[in-house]
Amino acid sequence: MARDIVDLLDYLQIPEADLLGISMGGIIVQTFAVEYPNRLRKLILASTSAERKYLKNNESGWIRGSEGVSAKMSSYFT
């Protein structure tokens, strides 16, 4: 997905950009920042993680229905 950002910037003829990533988007733009630092001016991260494995480890809590969501939300907002 980080490569998709590069392809879009190339298509739009934008040499570098300010990027905002929220949640999974934050992980994607962090990857972009590491792999294409010369294309990035500013990086803004919100409600994200620095590790890709975080998504796999926590994904099931969000897809088990309302009980899973409630359990996940209570772990974030105690």
PDB file of N, CA and C in Angstrom:
ATOM      1  N   MET A   1       0.809  -1.196   0.000  1.00  0.00           N
ATOM      2  CA  MET A   1       0.000   0.000   0.000  1.00  0.00           C
ATOM      3  C   MET A   1       0.855   1.264   0.000  1.00  0.00           C
ATOM      4  N   ALA A   2       2.035   1.176   0.608  1.00  0.00           N
ATOM      5  CA  ALA A   2       2.944   2.331   0.567  1.00  0.00           C
ATOM      6  C   ALA A   2       3.357   2.615  -0.874  1.00  0.00           C
ATOM      7  N   ARG A   3       3.537   1.560  -1.638  1.00  0.00           N
ATOM      8  CA  ARG A   3       3.887   1.731  -3.055  1.00  0.00           C
ATOM      9  C   ARG A   3       2.733   2.372  -3.828  1.00  0.00           C
ATOM     10  N   ASP A   4       1.499   2.107  -3.421  1.00  0.00           N
ATOM     11  CA  ASP A   4       0.340   2.754  -4.052  1.00  0.00           C
ATOM     12  C   ASP A   4       0.405   4.275  -3.880  1.00  0.00           C
ATOM     13  N   ILE A   5       0.886   4.719  -2.731  1.00  0.00           N
ATOM     14  CA  ILE A   5       1.032   6.166  -2.502  1.00  0.00           C
ATOM     15  C   ILE A   5       2.040   6.735  -3.490  1.00  0.00           C
ATOM     16  N   VAL A   6       3.153   6.043  -3.667  1.00  0.00           N
ATOM     17  CA  VAL A   6       4.180   6.494  -4.620  1.00  0.00           C
ATOM     18  C   VAL A   6       3.595   6.562  -6.022  1.00  0.00           C
ATOM     19  N   ASP A   7       2.874   5.530  -6.412  1.00  0.00           N
ATOM     20  CA  ASP A   7       2.276   5.510  -7.749  1.00  0.00           C
ATOM     21  C   ASP A   7       1.301   6.667  -7.942  1.00  0.00           C
ATOM     22  N   LEU A   8       0.504   6.960  -6.913  1.00  0.00           N
ATOM     23  CA  LEU A   8      -0.429   8.079  -6.998  1.00  0.00           C
ATOM     24  C   LEU A   8       0.313   9.412  -7.099  1.00  0.00           C
ATOM     25  N   LEU A   9       1.335   9.589  -6.265  1.00  0.00           N
ATOM     26  CA  LEU A   9       2.122  10.828  -6.328  1.00  0.00           C
ATOM     27  C   LEU A   9       2.775  10.989  -7.694  1.00  0.00           C
ATOM     28  N   ASP A  10       3.298   9.901  -8.235  1.00  0.00           N
ATOM     29  CA  ASP A  10       3.895   9.952  -9.577  1.00  0.00           C
ATOM     30  C   ASP A  10       2.857  10.339 -10.628  1.00  0.00           C
ATOM     31  N   TYR A  11       1.687   9.723 -10.565  1.00  0.00           N
ATOM     32  CA  TYR A  11       0.624  10.001 -11.520  1.00  0.00           C
ATOM     33  C   TYR A  11       0.205  11.473 -11.457  1.00  0.00           C
ATOM     34  N   LEU A  12       0.135  12.009 -10.236  1.00  0.00           N
ATOM     35  CA  LEU A  12      -0.266  13.408 -10.045  1.00  0.00           C
ATOM     36  C   LEU A  12       0.905  14.383 -10.198  1.00  0.00           C
ATOM     37  N   GLN A  13       2.079  13.833 -10.450  1.00  0.00           N
ATOM     38  CA  GLN A  13       3.308  14.618 -10.605  1.00  0.00           C
ATOM     39  C   GLN A  13       3.599  15.473  -9.362  1.00  0.00           C
ATOM     40  N   ILE A  14       3.482  14.821  -8.209  1.00  0.00           N
ATOM     41  CA  ILE A  14       3.782  15.463  -6.928  1.00  0.00           C
ATOM     42  C   ILE A  14       5.078  14.846  -6.415  1.00  0.00           C
ATOM     43  N   PRO A  15       6.154  15.628  -6.317  1.00  0.00           N
ATOM     44  CA  PRO A  15       7.450  15.061  -5.932  1.00  0.00           C
ATOM     45  C   PRO A  15       7.538  14.624  -4.468  1.00  0.00           C
ATOM     46  N   GLU A  16       6.859  15.342  -3.567  1.00  0.00           N
ATOM     47  CA  GLU A  16       6.866  14.993  -2.149  1.00  0.00           C
ATOM     48  C   GLU A  16       5.573  15.491  -1.516  1.00  0.00           C
ATOM     49  N   ALA A  17       5.212  14.896  -0.380  1.00  0.00           N
ATOM     50  CA  ALA A  17       3.919  15.211   0.215  1.00  0.00           C
ATOM     51  C   ALA A  17       3.975  15.177   1.735  1.00  0.00           C
ATOM     52  N   ASP A  18       3.010  15.849   2.346  1.00  0.00           N
ATOM     53  CA  ASP A  18       2.724  15.715   3.763  1.00  0.00           C
ATOM     54  C   ASP A  18       1.682  14.612   3.871  1.00  0.00           C
ATOM     55  N   LEU A  19       1.893  13.639   4.757  1.00  0.00           N
ATOM     56  CA  LEU A  19       0.962  12.517   4.867  1.00  0.00           C
ATOM     57  C   LEU A  19       0.420  12.393   6.285  1.00  0.00           C
ATOM     58  N   LEU A  20      -0.867  12.117   6.381  1.00  0.00           N
ATOM     59  CA  LEU A  20      -1.552  11.849   7.635  1.00  0.00           C
ATOM     60  C   LEU A  20      -2.028  10.410   7.599  1.00  0.00           C
ATOM     61  N   GLY A  21      -1.701   9.644   8.627  1.00  0.00           N
ATOM     62  CA  GLY A  21      -2.154   8.264   8.712  1.00  0.00           C
ATOM     63  C   GLY A  21      -2.882   8.020  10.013  1.00  0.00           C
ATOM     64  N   ILE A  22      -4.089   7.472   9.900  1.00  0.00           N
ATOM     65  CA  ILE A  22      -4.900   7.148  11.066  1.00  0.00           C
ATOM     66  C   ILE A  22      -5.126   5.633  11.092  1.00  0.00           C
ATOM     67  N   SER A  23      -4.913   5.037  12.242  1.00  0.00           N
ATOM     68  CA  SER A  23      -5.108   3.604  12.442  1.00  0.00           C
ATOM     69  C   SER A  23      -4.221   2.816  11.475  1.00  0.00           C
ATOM     70  N   MET A  24      -4.787   1.939  10.650  1.00  0.00           N
ATOM     71  CA  MET A  24      -3.967   1.170   9.712  1.00  0.00           C
ATOM     72  C   MET A  24      -3.253   2.098   8.731  1.00  0.00           C
ATOM     73  N   GLY A  25      -3.878   3.212   8.387  1.00  0.00           N
ATOM     74  CA  GLY A  25      -3.226   4.192   7.518  1.00  0.00           C
ATOM     75  C   GLY A  25      -1.947   4.721   8.123  1.00  0.00           C
ATOM     76  N   GLY A  26      -1.887   4.785   9.445  1.00  0.00           N
ATOM     77  CA  GLY A  26      -0.667   5.204  10.125  1.00  0.00           C
ATOM     78  C   GLY A  26       0.467   4.220   9.915  1.00  0.00           C
ATOM     79  N   ILE A  27       0.133   2.944   9.920  1.00  0.00           N
ATOM     80  CA  ILE A  27       1.142   1.917   9.668  1.00  0.00           C
ATOM     81  C   ILE A  27       1.621   2.010   8.217  1.00  0.00           C
ATOM     82  N   ILE A  28       0.696   2.269   7.309  1.00  0.00           N
ATOM     83  CA  ILE A  28       1.054   2.377   5.893  1.00  0.00           C
ATOM     84  C   ILE A  28       1.975   3.571   5.659  1.00  0.00           C
ATOM     85  N   VAL A  29       1.636   4.735   6.231  1.00  0.00           N
ATOM     86  CA  VAL A  29       2.490   5.906   5.986  1.00  0.00           C
ATOM     87  C   VAL A  29       3.827   5.808   6.713  1.00  0.00           C
ATOM     88  N   GLN A  30       3.882   5.048   7.814  1.00  0.00           N
ATOM     89  CA  GLN A  30       5.177   4.800   8.446  1.00  0.00           C
ATOM     90  C   GLN A  30       6.062   3.964   7.526  1.00  0.00           C
ATOM     91  N   THR A  31       5.472   2.982   6.883  1.00  0.00           N
ATOM     92  CA  THR A  31       6.210   2.177   5.903  1.00  0.00           C
ATOM     93  C   THR A  31       6.678   3.060   4.757  1.00  0.00           C
ATOM     94  N   PHE A  32       5.795   3.920   4.281  1.00  0.00           N
ATOM     95  CA  PHE A  32       6.152   4.868   3.224  1.00  0.00           C
ATOM     96  C   PHE A  32       7.342   5.733   3.659  1.00  0.00           C
ATOM     97  N   ALA A  33       7.300   6.239   4.892  1.00  0.00           N
ATOM     98  CA  ALA A  33       8.368   7.108   5.399  1.00  0.00           C
ATOM     99  C   ALA A  33       9.714   6.403   5.436  1.00  0.00           C
ATOM    100  N   VAL A  34       9.705   5.135   5.782  1.00  0.00           N
ATOM    101  CA  VAL A  34      10.948   4.357   5.853  1.00  0.00           C
ATOM    102  C   VAL A  34      11.459   4.008   4.455  1.00  0.00           C
ATOM    103  N   GLU A  35      10.548   3.622   3.569  1.00  0.00           N
ATOM    104  CA  GLU A  35      10.959   3.154   2.247  1.00  0.00           C
ATOM    105  C   GLU A  35      11.166   4.276   1.227  1.00  0.00           C
ATOM    106  N   TYR A  36      10.501   5.413   1.424  1.00  0.00           N
ATOM    107  CA  TYR A  36      10.589   6.519   0.456  1.00  0.00           C
ATOM    108  C   TYR A  36      10.777   7.860   1.170  1.00  0.00           C
ATOM    109  N   PRO A  37      11.805   7.998   1.999  1.00  0.00           N
ATOM    110  CA  PRO A  37      11.961   9.221   2.801  1.00  0.00           C
ATOM    111  C   PRO A  37      12.101  10.492   1.964  1.00  0.00           C
ATOM    112  N   ASN A  38      12.628  10.374   0.762  1.00  0.00           N
ATOM    113  CA  ASN A  38      12.800  11.562  -0.079  1.00  0.00           C
ATOM    114  C   ASN A  38      11.486  12.059  -0.676  1.00  0.00           C
ATOM    115  N   ARG A  39      10.413  11.287  -0.528  1.00  0.00           N
ATOM    116  CA  ARG A  39       9.107  11.697  -1.053  1.00  0.00           C
ATOM    117  C   ARG A  39       8.223  12.297   0.039  1.00  0.00           C
ATOM    118  N   LEU A  40       8.711  12.354   1.269  1.00  0.00           N
ATOM    119  CA  LEU A  40       7.916  12.781   2.414  1.00  0.00           C
ATOM    120  C   LEU A  40       8.414  14.105   2.964  1.00  0.00           C
ATOM    121  N   ARG A  41       7.496  15.060   3.151  1.00  0.00           N
ATOM    122  CA  ARG A  41       7.858  16.323   3.808  1.00  0.00           C
ATOM    123  C   ARG A  41       7.524  16.251   5.291  1.00  0.00           C
ATOM    124  N   LYS A  42       6.296  15.872   5.608  1.00  0.00           N
ATOM    125  CA  LYS A  42       5.850  15.775   6.998  1.00  0.00           C
ATOM    126  C   LYS A  42       5.042  14.507   7.182  1.00  0.00           C
ATOM    127  N   LEU A  43       5.176  13.919   8.365  1.00  0.00           N
ATOM    128  CA  LEU A  43       4.438  12.708   8.707  1.00  0.00           C
ATOM    129  C   LEU A  43       3.601  13.000   9.941  1.00  0.00           C
ATOM    130  N   ILE A  44       2.307  12.763   9.837  1.00  0.00           N
ATOM    131  CA  ILE A  44       1.382  12.985  10.946  1.00  0.00           C
ATOM    132  C   ILE A  44       0.712  11.656  11.250  1.00  0.00           C
ATOM    133  N   LEU A  45       0.815  11.204  12.501  1.00  0.00           N
ATOM    134  CA  LEU A  45       0.256   9.908  12.900  1.00  0.00           C
ATOM    135  C   LEU A  45      -0.798  10.110  13.974  1.00  0.00           C
ATOM    136  N   ALA A  46      -1.906   9.372  13.857  1.00  0.00           N
ATOM    137  CA  ALA A  46      -2.975   9.456  14.846  1.00  0.00           C
ATOM    138  C   ALA A  46      -3.557   8.068  15.093  1.00  0.00           C
ATOM    139  N   SER A  47      -3.678   7.714  16.349  1.00  0.00           N
ATOM    140  CA  SER A  47      -4.342   6.471  16.735  1.00  0.00           C
ATOM    141  C   SER A  47      -3.831   5.278  15.934  1.00  0.00           C
ATOM    142  N   THR A  48      -2.521   5.053  16.003  1.00  0.00           N
ATOM    143  CA  THR A  48      -1.907   3.997  15.208  1.00  0.00           C
ATOM    144  C   THR A  48      -0.909   3.218  16.037  1.00  0.00           C
ATOM    145  N   SER A  49      -0.222   2.324  15.420  1.00  0.00           N
ATOM    146  CA  SER A  49       0.782   1.487  16.065  1.00  0.00           C
ATOM    147  C   SER A  49       2.050   1.503  15.226  1.00  0.00           C
ATOM    148  N   ALA A  50       3.147   1.192  15.853  1.00  0.00           N
ATOM    149  CA  ALA A  50       4.411   1.146  15.125  1.00  0.00           C
ATOM    150  C   ALA A  50       4.736  -0.261  14.637  1.00  0.00           C
ATOM    151  N   GLU A  51       3.898  -1.230  14.917  1.00  0.00           N
ATOM    152  CA  GLU A  51       4.184  -2.608  14.545  1.00  0.00           C
ATOM    153  C   GLU A  51       3.059  -3.197  13.725  1.00  0.00           C
ATOM    154  N   ARG A  52       3.405  -3.809  12.594  1.00  0.00           N
ATOM    155  CA  ARG A  52       2.394  -4.437  11.747  1.00  0.00           C
ATOM    156  C   ARG A  52       1.732  -5.617  12.444  1.00  0.00           C
ATOM    157  N   LYS A  53       2.494  -6.342  13.270  1.00  0.00           N
ATOM    158  CA  LYS A  53       1.921  -7.518  13.926  1.00  0.00           C
ATOM    159  C   LYS A  53       0.767  -7.139  14.845  1.00  0.00           C
ATOM    160  N   TYR A  54       0.710  -5.872  15.266  1.00  0.00           N
ATOM    161  CA  TYR A  54      -0.376  -5.407  16.116  1.00  0.00           C
ATOM    162  C   TYR A  54      -1.728  -5.663  15.460  1.00  0.00           C
ATOM    163  N   LEU A  55      -1.827  -5.449  14.171  1.00  0.00           N
ATOM    164  CA  LEU A  55      -3.095  -5.640  13.470  1.00  0.00           C
ATOM    165  C   LEU A  55      -3.541  -7.091  13.534  1.00  0.00           C
ATOM    166  N   LYS A  56      -2.632  -8.024  13.280  1.00  0.00           N
ATOM    167  CA  LYS A  56      -2.995  -9.436  13.294  1.00  0.00           C
ATOM    168  C   LYS A  56      -3.347  -9.895  14.701  1.00  0.00           C
ATOM    169  N   ASN A  57      -2.627  -9.395  15.705  1.00  0.00           N
ATOM    170  CA  ASN A  57      -2.864  -9.823  17.076  1.00  0.00           C
ATOM    171  C   ASN A  57      -4.183  -9.309  17.629  1.00  0.00           C
ATOM    172  N   ASN A  58      -4.685  -8.203  17.123  1.00  0.00           N
ATOM    173  CA  ASN A  58      -5.872  -7.591  17.696  1.00  0.00           C
ATOM    174  C   ASN A  58      -7.091  -7.615  16.780  1.00  0.00           C
ATOM    175  N   GLU A  59      -6.923  -8.107  15.597  1.00  0.00           N
ATOM    176  CA  GLU A  59      -8.003  -8.082  14.622  1.00  0.00           C
ATOM    177  C   GLU A  59      -9.250  -8.828  15.101  1.00  0.00           C
ATOM    178  N   SER A  60      -9.071  -9.963  15.736  1.00  0.00           N
ATOM    179  CA  SER A  60     -10.221 -10.777  16.112  1.00  0.00           C
ATOM    180  C   SER A  60     -11.135 -10.068  17.109  1.00  0.00           C
ATOM    181  N   GLY A  61     -10.591  -9.202  17.929  1.00  0.00           N
ATOM    182  CA  GLY A  61     -11.421  -8.475  18.880  1.00  0.00           C
ATOM    183  C   GLY A  61     -12.434  -7.582  18.203  1.00  0.00           C
ATOM    184  N   TRP A  62     -12.141  -7.146  17.017  1.00  0.00           N
ATOM    185  CA  TRP A  62     -13.053  -6.237  16.313  1.00  0.00           C
ATOM    186  C   TRP A  62     -14.074  -6.993  15.478  1.00  0.00           C
ATOM    187  N   ILE A  63     -13.826  -8.238  15.148  1.00  0.00           N
ATOM    188  CA  ILE A  63     -14.735  -8.914  14.236  1.00  0.00           C
ATOM    189  C   ILE A  63     -15.606  -9.960  14.923  1.00  0.00           C
ATOM    190  N   ARG A  64     -15.587 -10.029  16.236  1.00  0.00           N
ATOM    191  CA  ARG A  64     -16.417 -11.000  16.949  1.00  0.00           C
ATOM    192  C   ARG A  64     -17.781 -10.435  17.293  1.00  0.00           C
ATOM    193  N   GLY A  65     -18.142  -9.341  16.727  1.00  0.00           N
ATOM    194  CA  GLY A  65     -19.435  -8.745  17.038  1.00  0.00           C
ATOM    195  C   GLY A  65     -19.346  -7.805  18.218  1.00  0.00           C
ATOM    196  N   SER A  66     -20.500  -7.486  18.788  1.00  0.00           N
ATOM    197  CA  SER A  66     -20.551  -6.454  19.824  1.00  0.00           C
ATOM    198  C   SER A  66     -19.766  -6.838  21.072  1.00  0.00           C
ATOM    199  N   GLU A  67     -19.719  -8.109  21.420  1.00  0.00           N
ATOM    200  CA  GLU A  67     -18.949  -8.514  22.599  1.00  0.00           C
ATOM    201  C   GLU A  67     -17.465  -8.250  22.393  1.00  0.00           C
ATOM    202  N   GLY A  68     -16.963  -8.568  21.213  1.00  0.00           N
ATOM    203  CA  GLY A  68     -15.555  -8.327  20.919  1.00  0.00           C
ATOM    204  C   GLY A  68     -15.226  -6.850  20.913  1.00  0.00           C
ATOM    205  N   VAL A  69     -16.112  -6.052  20.338  1.00  0.00           N
ATOM    206  CA  VAL A  69     -15.892  -4.606  20.300  1.00  0.00           C
ATOM    207  C   VAL A  69     -15.916  -4.041  21.711  1.00  0.00           C
ATOM    208  N   SER A  70     -16.874  -4.463  22.507  1.00  0.00           N
ATOM    209  CA  SER A  70     -16.954  -3.975  23.889  1.00  0.00           C
ATOM    210  C   SER A  70     -15.708  -4.326  24.681  1.00  0.00           C
ATOM    211  N   ALA A  71     -15.222  -5.549  24.542  1.00  0.00           N
ATOM    212  CA  ALA A  71     -14.023  -5.966  25.249  1.00  0.00           C
ATOM    213  C   ALA A  71     -12.823  -5.139  24.800  1.00  0.00           C
ATOM    214  N   LYS A  72     -12.711  -4.909  23.502  1.00  0.00           N
ATOM    215  CA  LYS A  72     -11.579  -4.149  22.965  1.00  0.00           C
ATOM    216  C   LYS A  72     -11.663  -2.695  23.448  1.00  0.00           C
ATOM    217  N   MET A  73     -12.829  -2.096  23.370  1.00  0.00           N
ATOM    218  CA  MET A  73     -12.980  -0.706  23.785  1.00  0.00           C
ATOM    219  C   MET A  73     -12.693  -0.544  25.279  1.00  0.00           C
ATOM    220  N   SER A  74     -13.112  -1.508  26.102  1.00  0.00           N
ATOM    221  CA  SER A  74     -12.853  -1.391  27.531  1.00  0.00           C
ATOM    222  C   SER A  74     -11.369  -1.504  27.839  1.00  0.00           C
ATOM    223  N   SER A  75     -10.616  -2.217  26.993  1.00  0.00           N
ATOM    224  CA  SER A  75      -9.177  -2.298  27.220  1.00  0.00           C
ATOM    225  C   SER A  75      -8.491  -0.968  26.842  1.00  0.00           C
ATOM    226  N   TYR A  76      -9.076  -0.222  25.929  1.00  0.00           N
ATOM    227  CA  TYR A  76      -8.516   1.077  25.549  1.00  0.00           C
ATOM    228  C   TYR A  76      -8.950   2.196  26.480  1.00  0.00           C
ATOM    229  N   PHE A  77     -10.204   2.132  26.929  1.00  0.00           N
ATOM    230  CA  PHE A  77     -10.777   3.214  27.728  1.00  0.00           C
ATOM    231  C   PHE A  77     -11.204   2.681  29.085  1.00  0.00           C
ATOM    232  N   THR A  78     -10.242   2.491  29.981  1.00  0.00           N
ATOM    233  CA  THR A  78     -10.550   1.944  31.294  1.00  0.00           C
ATOM    234  C   THR A  78     -10.870   3.022  32.302  1.00  0.00           C
TER     235      THR A  78
END
